[in-house]
C-alpha atoms as a PDB file:
ATOM      1  CA  MET A   1     -19.519  29.985  -4.759  1.00  0.00           C
ATOM      2  CA  GLN A   2     -20.269  28.342  -8.116  1.00  0.00           C
ATOM      3  CA  ILE A   3     -17.454  28.864 -10.617  1.00  0.00           C
ATOM      4  CA  THR A   4     -17.256  27.832 -14.266  1.00  0.00           C
ATOM      5  CA  LEU A   5     -14.042  28.527 -16.170  1.00  0.00           C
ATOM      6  CA  HIS A   6     -14.068  28.607 -19.965  1.00  0.00           C
ATOM      7  CA  HIS A   7     -10.618  27.512 -21.070  1.00  0.00           C
ATOM      8  CA  ALA A   8      -8.427  26.488 -23.996  1.00  0.00           C
ATOM      9  CA  HIS A   9      -5.275  24.500 -23.271  1.00  0.00           C
ATOM     10  CA  GLU A  10      -2.125  26.682 -23.096  1.00  0.00           C
ATOM     11  CA  ALA A  11      -4.098  29.899 -23.719  1.00  0.00           C
ATOM     12  CA  ARG A  12      -4.193  32.799 -21.271  1.00  0.00           C
ATOM     13  CA  SER A  13      -7.031  31.112 -19.398  1.00  0.00           C
ATOM     14  CA  MET A  14      -4.315  28.841 -18.011  1.00  0.00           C
ATOM     15  CA  ARG A  15      -3.566  31.667 -15.559  1.00  0.00           C
ATOM     16  CA  ILE A  16      -7.002  31.311 -14.026  1.00  0.00           C
ATOM     17  CA  LEU A  17      -7.030  27.510 -14.080  1.00  0.00           C
ATOM     18  CA  TRP A  18      -3.722  27.552 -12.211  1.00  0.00           C
ATOM     19  CA  LEU A  19      -5.049  30.131  -9.735  1.00  0.00           C
ATOM     20  CA  LEU A  20      -8.169  28.081  -9.045  1.00  0.00           C
ATOM     21  CA  GLU A  21      -5.964  25.101  -8.242  1.00  0.00           C
ATOM     22  CA  GLU A  22      -3.786  27.211  -5.938  1.00  0.00           C
ATOM     23  CA  LEU A  23      -6.921  28.479  -4.208  1.00  0.00           C
ATOM     24  CA  GLY A  24      -8.241  24.962  -3.719  1.00  0.00           C
ATOM     25  CA  ALA A  25     -11.502  26.096  -5.316  1.00  0.00           C
ATOM     26  CA  ASP A  26     -14.337  23.921  -6.521  1.00  0.00           C
ATOM     27  CA  TYR A  27     -15.039  24.731 -10.171  1.00  0.00           C
ATOM     28  CA  THR A  28     -16.405  23.401 -13.430  1.00  0.00           C
ATOM     29  CA  LEU A  29     -14.089  23.446 -16.442  1.00  0.00           C
ATOM     30  CA  ARG A  30     -15.317  23.960 -20.003  1.00  0.00           C
ATOM     31  CA  VAL A  31     -12.539  23.281 -22.533  1.00  0.00           C
ATOM     32  CA  TYR A  32     -12.532  24.652 -26.075  1.00  0.00           C
ATOM     33  CA  ASP A  33     -10.330  23.990 -29.088  1.00  0.00           C
ATOM     34  CA  PHE A  34      -8.166  27.027 -29.861  1.00  0.00           C
ATOM     35  CA  PHE A  35      -8.115  26.184 -33.565  1.00  0.00           C
ATOM     36  CA  ASN A  36     -11.673  25.215 -34.441  1.00  0.00           C
ATOM     37  CA  LYS A  37     -14.755  27.410 -34.323  1.00  0.00           C
ATOM     38  CA  SER A  38     -15.956  26.423 -30.866  1.00  0.00           C
ATOM     39  CA  LEU A  39     -14.927  29.801 -29.418  1.00  0.00           C
ATOM     40  CA  ARG A  40     -17.021  31.436 -32.153  1.00  0.00           C
ATOM     41  CA  SER A  41     -20.102  29.350 -31.478  1.00  0.00           C
ATOM     42  CA  GLU A  42     -23.356  31.175 -30.878  1.00  0.00           C
ATOM     43  CA  ASP A  43     -23.566  29.801 -27.349  1.00  0.00           C
ATOM     44  CA  TYR A  44     -20.061  30.893 -26.366  1.00  0.00           C
ATOM     45  CA  LEU A  45     -20.406  34.344 -27.930  1.00  0.00           C
ATOM     46  CA  THR A  46     -23.270  35.024 -25.532  1.00  0.00           C
ATOM     47  CA  ILE A  47     -20.706  34.594 -22.734  1.00  0.00           C
ATOM     48  CA  HIS A  48     -17.701  36.288 -24.358  1.00  0.00           C
ATOM     49  CA  PRO A  49     -18.670  38.442 -27.363  1.00  0.00           C
ATOM     50  CA  ALA A  50     -15.052  38.498 -28.605  1.00  0.00           C
ATOM     51  CA  GLY A  51     -14.824  34.705 -28.568  1.00  0.00           C
ATOM     52  CA  ARG A  52     -11.768  34.553 -26.328  1.00  0.00           C
ATOM     53  CA  VAL A  53     -10.665  32.881 -23.124  1.00  0.00           C
ATOM     54  CA  PRO A  54     -10.685  33.173 -20.230  1.00  0.00           C
ATOM     55  CA  SER A  55     -14.205  33.877 -19.208  1.00  0.00           C
ATOM     56  CA  VAL A  56     -15.491  32.917 -15.790  1.00  0.00           C
ATOM     57  CA  GLU A  57     -19.036  32.550 -14.557  1.00  0.00           C
ATOM     58  CA  VAL A  58     -19.288  33.173 -10.824  1.00  0.00           C
ATOM     59  CA  ASP A  59     -22.716  32.567  -9.313  1.00  0.00           C
ATOM     60  CA  GLY A  60     -24.291  33.346 -12.674  1.00  0.00           C
ATOM     61  CA  ARG A  61     -22.305  36.517 -13.358  1.00  0.00           C
ATOM     62  CA  VAL A  62     -19.619  36.717 -16.040  1.00  0.00           C
ATOM     63  CA  MET A  63     -16.100  38.137 -15.840  1.00  0.00           C
ATOM     64  CA  LEU A  64     -13.847  38.343 -18.908  1.00  0.00           C
ATOM     65  CA  GLU A  65     -10.521  39.973 -18.024  1.00  0.00           C
ATOM     66  CA  SER A  66      -7.717  37.866 -16.555  1.00  0.00           C
ATOM     67  CA  GLY A  67      -6.426  40.522 -14.184  1.00  0.00           C
ATOM     68  CA  ALA A  68      -9.849  41.331 -12.794  1.00  0.00           C
ATOM     69  CA  ILE A  69     -10.694  37.633 -12.464  1.00  0.00           C
ATOM     70  CA  ALA A  70      -7.442  36.945 -10.608  1.00  0.00           C
ATOM     71  CA  GLU A  71      -7.981  39.847  -8.211  1.00  0.00           C
ATOM     72  CA  TYR A  72     -11.603  38.938  -7.538  1.00  0.00           C
ATOM     73  CA  LEU A  73     -11.107  35.224  -6.956  1.00  0.00           C
ATOM     74  CA  ALA A  74      -8.079  35.709  -4.706  1.00  0.00           C
ATOM     75  CA  GLU A  75      -9.968  38.317  -2.664  1.00  0.00           C
ATOM     76  CA  GLN A  76     -13.049  36.101  -2.336  1.00  0.00           C
ATOM     77  CA  MET A  77     -10.977  33.206  -0.946  1.00  0.00           C
ATOM     78  CA  PRO A  78      -8.733  34.910   1.626  1.00  0.00           C
ATOM     79  CA  ALA A  79      -7.853  31.708   3.459  1.00  0.00           C
ATOM     80  CA  ALA A  80      -5.499  30.771   0.594  1.00  0.00           C
ATOM     81  CA  GLY A  81      -3.419  33.899   1.259  1.00  0.00           C
ATOM     82  CA  LEU A  82      -3.007  34.829  -2.414  1.00  0.00           C
ATOM     83  CA  HIS A  83      -4.563  38.315  -2.199  1.00  0.00           C
ATOM     84  CA  ARG A  84      -2.900  41.487  -0.947  1.00  0.00           C
ATOM     85  CA  GLY A  85      -5.543  43.855   0.383  1.00  0.00           C
ATOM     86  CA  PRO A  86      -5.575  47.585   1.202  1.00  0.00           C
ATOM     87  CA  ASP A  87      -3.890  47.053   4.572  1.00  0.00           C
ATOM     88  CA  HIS A  88      -1.006  45.044   3.108  1.00  0.00           C
ATOM     89  CA  PRO A  89       2.275  46.960   2.550  1.00  0.00           C
ATOM     90  CA  GLU A  90       2.759  45.284  -0.845  1.00  0.00           C
ATOM     91  CA  GLN A  91      -0.716  45.958  -2.229  1.00  0.00           C
ATOM     92  CA  MET A  92       0.505  48.538  -4.763  1.00  0.00           C
ATOM     93  CA  GLU A  93       3.194  46.208  -6.097  1.00  0.00           C
ATOM     94  CA  TYR A  94       0.759  43.284  -6.099  1.00  0.00           C
ATOM     95  CA  LEU A  95      -1.863  45.075  -8.190  1.00  0.00           C
ATOM     96  CA  GLU A  96       0.698  46.404 -10.632  1.00  0.00           C
ATOM     97  CA  LEU A  97       2.164  42.934 -11.154  1.00  0.00           C
ATOM     98  CA  VAL A  98      -1.223  41.276 -11.670  1.00  0.00           C
ATOM     99  CA  HIS A  99      -1.738  43.653 -14.581  1.00  0.00           C
ATOM    100  CA  TYR A 100       1.873  43.590 -15.794  1.00  0.00           C
ATOM    101  CA  ALA A 101       0.940  40.110 -16.965  1.00  0.00           C
ATOM    102  CA  GLU A 102      -0.808  41.751 -19.923  1.00  0.00           C
ATOM    103  CA  THR A 103       2.341  43.679 -20.865  1.00  0.00           C
ATOM    104  CA  ILE A 104       4.047  40.308 -21.213  1.00  0.00           C
ATOM    105  CA  GLY A 105       0.947  38.716 -22.688  1.00  0.00           C
ATOM    106  CA  GLN A 106       0.552  41.143 -25.576  1.00  0.00           C
ATOM    107  CA  HIS A 107       3.963  40.166 -26.960  1.00  0.00           C
ATOM    108  CA  LEU A 108       3.282  36.467 -26.447  1.00  0.00           C
ATOM    109  CA  ALA A 109      -0.047  36.864 -28.267  1.00  0.00           C
ATOM    110  CA  ASN A 110       1.628  38.653 -31.184  1.00  0.00           C
ATOM    111  CA  LEU A 111       4.298  35.968 -31.411  1.00  0.00           C
ATOM    112  CA  THR A 112       1.671  33.231 -31.287  1.00  0.00           C
ATOM    113  CA  GLN A 113      -0.125  34.997 -34.113  1.00  0.00           C
ATOM    114  CA  GLY A 114       3.046  35.343 -36.169  1.00  0.00           C
ATOM    115  CA  HIS A 115       4.408  31.848 -35.673  1.00  0.00           C
ATOM    116  CA  ILE A 116       1.277  29.717 -35.356  1.00  0.00           C
ATOM    117  CA  VAL A 117      -2.016  31.354 -36.309  1.00  0.00           C
ATOM    118  CA  LEU A 118      -0.564  32.714 -39.570  1.00  0.00           C
ATOM    119  CA  TYR A 119       0.390  29.247 -40.692  1.00  0.00           C
ATOM    120  CA  ASP A 120       1.687  29.930 -44.237  1.00  0.00           C
ATOM    121  CA  ASP A 121       5.061  31.592 -44.757  1.00  0.00           C
ATOM    122  CA  TRP A 122       3.632  34.256 -47.054  1.00  0.00           C
ATOM    123  CA  MET A 123       1.332  35.455 -44.250  1.00  0.00           C
ATOM    124  CA  ARG A 124       4.163  36.111 -41.814  1.00  0.00           C
ATOM    125  CA  SER A 125       6.292  39.211 -41.324  1.00  0.00           C
ATOM    126  CA  PRO A 126       9.831  38.297 -40.183  1.00  0.00           C
ATOM    127  CA  THR A 127      10.330  41.953 -39.229  1.00  0.00           C
ATOM    128  CA  GLN A 128       7.273  41.969 -36.968  1.00  0.00           C
ATOM    129  CA  ILE A 129       8.207  38.639 -35.389  1.00  0.00           C
ATOM    130  CA  GLY A 130      11.762  39.849 -34.788  1.00  0.00           C
ATOM    131  CA  LEU A 131      10.541  43.048 -33.106  1.00  0.00           C
ATOM    132  CA  GLU A 132       8.079  41.183 -30.885  1.00  0.00           C
ATOM    133  CA  THR A 133      10.787  38.714 -29.855  1.00  0.00           C
ATOM    134  CA  LYS A 134      13.011  41.598 -28.714  1.00  0.00           C
ATOM    135  CA  ARG A 135      10.103  43.271 -26.930  1.00  0.00           C
ATOM    136  CA  LEU A 136       9.266  40.086 -25.052  1.00  0.00           C
ATOM    137  CA  ALA A 137      12.863  39.747 -23.896  1.00  0.00           C
ATOM    138  CA  LYS A 138      12.834  43.397 -22.826  1.00  0.00           C
ATOM    139  CA  VAL A 139       9.727  43.144 -20.637  1.00  0.00           C
ATOM    140  CA  LEU A 140      11.175  40.077 -18.924  1.00  0.00           C
ATOM    141  CA  THR A 141      14.227  42.082 -17.831  1.00  0.00           C
ATOM    142  CA  ARG A 142      11.996  43.888 -15.354  1.00  0.00           C
ATOM    143  CA  LEU A 143      11.370  40.546 -13.625  1.00  0.00           C
ATOM    144  CA  GLU A 144      15.069  39.674 -13.743  1.00  0.00           C
ATOM    145  CA  ALA A 145      15.844  42.888 -11.858  1.00  0.00           C
ATOM    146  CA  GLN A 146      13.058  42.305  -9.335  1.00  0.00           C
ATOM    147  CA  LEU A 147      14.122  38.757  -8.554  1.00  0.00           C
ATOM    148  CA  ARG A 148      17.791  39.638  -8.176  1.00  0.00           C
ATOM    149  CA  ASP A 149      17.416  40.331  -4.441  1.00  0.00           C
ATOM    150  CA  GLY A 150      16.916  36.636  -3.726  1.00  0.00           C
ATOM    151  CA  ARG A 151      13.149  36.576  -3.246  1.00  0.00           C
ATOM    152  CA  ALA A 152      11.518  33.293  -4.214  1.00  0.00           C
ATOM    153  CA  TYR A 153       8.451  34.865  -5.803  1.00  0.00           C
ATOM    154  CA  LEU A 154       7.457  38.263  -7.170  1.00  0.00           C
ATOM    155  CA  LEU A 155       6.546  39.687  -3.762  1.00  0.00           C
ATOM    156  CA  THR A 156       8.773  39.528  -0.717  1.00  0.00           C
ATOM    157  CA  SER A 157       5.736  38.358   1.266  1.00  0.00           C
ATOM    158  CA  GLY A 158       5.578  35.174  -0.801  1.00  0.00           C
ATOM    159  CA  PHE A 159       3.493  33.500  -3.488  1.00  0.00           C
ATOM    160  CA  SER A 160       0.381  35.383  -4.614  1.00  0.00           C
ATOM    161  CA  ALA A 161      -2.124  35.626  -7.446  1.00  0.00           C
ATOM    162  CA  ALA A 162       0.399  37.905  -9.163  1.00  0.00           C
ATOM    163  CA  ASP A 163       2.657  34.878  -9.642  1.00  0.00           C
ATOM    164  CA  CYS A 164      -0.145  33.033 -11.455  1.00  0.00           C
ATOM    165  CA  ALA A 165      -0.821  36.043 -13.674  1.00  0.00           C
ATOM    166  CA  VAL A 166       2.799  36.809 -14.561  1.00  0.00           C
ATOM    167  CA  GLY A 167       3.951  33.215 -14.214  1.00  0.00           C
ATOM    168  CA  TYR A 168       1.937  32.065 -17.226  1.00  0.00           C
ATOM    169  CA  GLY A 169       4.035  34.391 -19.385  1.00  0.00           C
ATOM    170  CA  VAL A 170       7.238  33.208 -17.743  1.00  0.00           C
ATOM    171  CA  TRP A 171       6.184  29.600 -18.358  1.00  0.00           C
ATOM    172  CA  LEU A 172       5.517  30.285 -22.051  1.00  0.00           C
ATOM    173  CA  ALA A 173       8.327  32.749 -22.850  1.00  0.00           C
ATOM    174  CA  PRO A 174      11.116  30.181 -23.518  1.00  0.00           C
ATOM    175  CA  ARG A 175       9.198  29.036 -26.596  1.00  0.00           C
ATOM    176  CA  PHE A 176      10.262  32.336 -28.139  1.00  0.00           C
ATOM    177  CA  VAL A 177      13.240  33.776 -26.227  1.00  0.00           C
ATOM    178  CA  SER A 178      16.242  32.364 -24.417  1.00  0.00           C
ATOM    179  CA  LEU A 179      16.457  32.826 -20.654  1.00  0.00           C
ATOM    180  CA  ALA A 180      20.224  32.183 -20.685  1.00  0.00           C
ATOM    181  CA  LYS A 181      20.961  35.812 -19.793  1.00  0.00           C
ATOM    182  CA  MET A 182      18.140  35.953 -17.238  1.00  0.00           C
ATOM    183  CA  PRO A 183      19.200  33.384 -14.622  1.00  0.00           C
ATOM    184  CA  HIS A 184      16.859  34.722 -11.943  1.00  0.00           C
ATOM    185  CA  VAL A 185      13.849  34.480 -14.240  1.00  0.00           C
ATOM    186  CA  ALA A 186      14.945  30.973 -15.254  1.00  0.00           C
ATOM    187  CA  ALA A 187      15.238  29.892 -11.609  1.00  0.00           C
ATOM    188  CA  TYR A 188      11.872  31.508 -10.822  1.00  0.00           C
ATOM    189  CA  ARG A 189      10.329  29.555 -13.699  1.00  0.00           C
ATOM    190  CA  ASP A 190      11.754  26.342 -12.262  1.00  0.00           C
ATOM    191  CA  ARG A 191      10.174  27.115  -8.881  1.00  0.00           C
ATOM    192  CA  LEU A 192       6.815  27.766 -10.535  1.00  0.00           C
ATOM    193  CA  MET A 193       7.035  24.542 -12.534  1.00  0.00           C
ATOM    194  CA  ALA A 194       7.566  22.598  -9.308  1.00  0.00           C
ATOM    195  CA  ARG A 195       4.220  23.755  -7.914  1.00  0.00           C
ATOM    196  CA  PRO A 196       1.588  20.988  -8.088  1.00  0.00           C
ATOM    197  CA  ALA A 197      -1.150  23.495  -8.981  1.00  0.00           C
ATOM    198  CA  LEU A 198       0.728  24.606 -12.109  1.00  0.00           C
ATOM    199  CA  GLN A 199       1.246  20.996 -13.123  1.00  0.00           C
ATOM    200  CA  LYS A 200      -2.517  20.452 -12.855  1.00  0.00           C
ATOM    201  CA  ALA A 201      -3.129  23.458 -15.135  1.00  0.00           C
ATOM    202  CA  LEU A 202      -1.010  22.017 -17.948  1.00  0.00           C
ATOM    203  CA  PRO A 203      -2.779  20.151 -20.798  1.00  0.00           C
ATOM    204  CA  PRO A 204      -3.431  16.495 -20.047  1.00  0.00           C
ATOM    205  CA  GLU A 205      -1.544  13.905 -22.042  1.00  0.00           C
ATOM    206  CA  GLY A 206      -2.926  13.604 -25.544  1.00  0.00           C
ATOM    207  CA  ALA A 207      -4.658  16.990 -25.495  1.00  0.00           C
ATOM    208  CA  LYS A 208      -4.364  19.229 -28.519  1.00  0.00           C
ATOM    209  CA  ARG A 209      -1.807  21.940 -27.840  1.00  0.00           C
ATOM    210  CA  ILE A 210      -1.236  25.397 -29.264  1.00  0.00           C
ATOM    211  CA  TYR A 211       2.558  25.138 -29.031  1.00  0.00           C
ATOM    212  CA  THR A 212       4.061  22.081 -30.706  1.00  0.00           C
ATOM    213  CA  LYS A 213       7.690  23.224 -30.916  1.00  0.00           C
ATOM    214  CA  ASP A 214      10.119  23.657 -28.041  1.00  0.00           C
ATOM    215  CA  PHE A 215      11.412  26.852 -29.651  1.00  0.00           C
ATOM    216  CA  TYR A 216      10.123  29.063 -32.442  1.00  0.00           C
ATOM    217  CA  GLU A 217      12.968  30.668 -34.395  1.00  0.00           C
ATOM    218  CA  VAL A 218      12.628  34.132 -35.915  1.00  0.00           C
ATOM    219  CA  PRO A 219      12.238  33.494 -39.662  1.00  0.00           C
ATOM    220  CA  ASP A 220      14.794  34.874 -42.088  1.00  0.00           C
ATOM    221  CA  VAL A 221      13.983  38.258 -43.542  1.00  0.00           C
END
């Protein structure tokens, strides 16, 4: 299987980079700058017409959606044990969690827009940023409840592609919300951070990052 991942450091494509490392896959990485026009280049727009990441080329065919990519790659490499198929008792929960990543991701994307992409104060809406911050905290409470039974990862059967999908949001969330009242999510994040594959998916030293602050405060109204 020939795999090419189109990626920008710290963007949602990090989910798939992490997953590829967990799978032990051979792949080619194409890295783009989130802030310049490389994602809007004519060449890249032929791959992803919206100019976003991730996109993955697998044996000459293109996939664009993180959840679908995660499902497909994990299913194609069963030896890694990161897929939960039709005969697995946790398949329903697995599929729902892979796609719950986008529920978390939409609030992270809106906060990234408000804090970073809209770089001048006059462009920003403190009201919108405040609402998105509360919404992000709210969607994380679902994970706090799920992890309260002592499981190490999202499924009782162990680590899966769902952890890569959701885990990206858990990795990024403390830039915007405190996990002080979500101790199980915080401990889960620590377990994810200890995984060598996640460490390999982080930007290399000296790389240009999207997030330059440890924490982004809600601006005053």
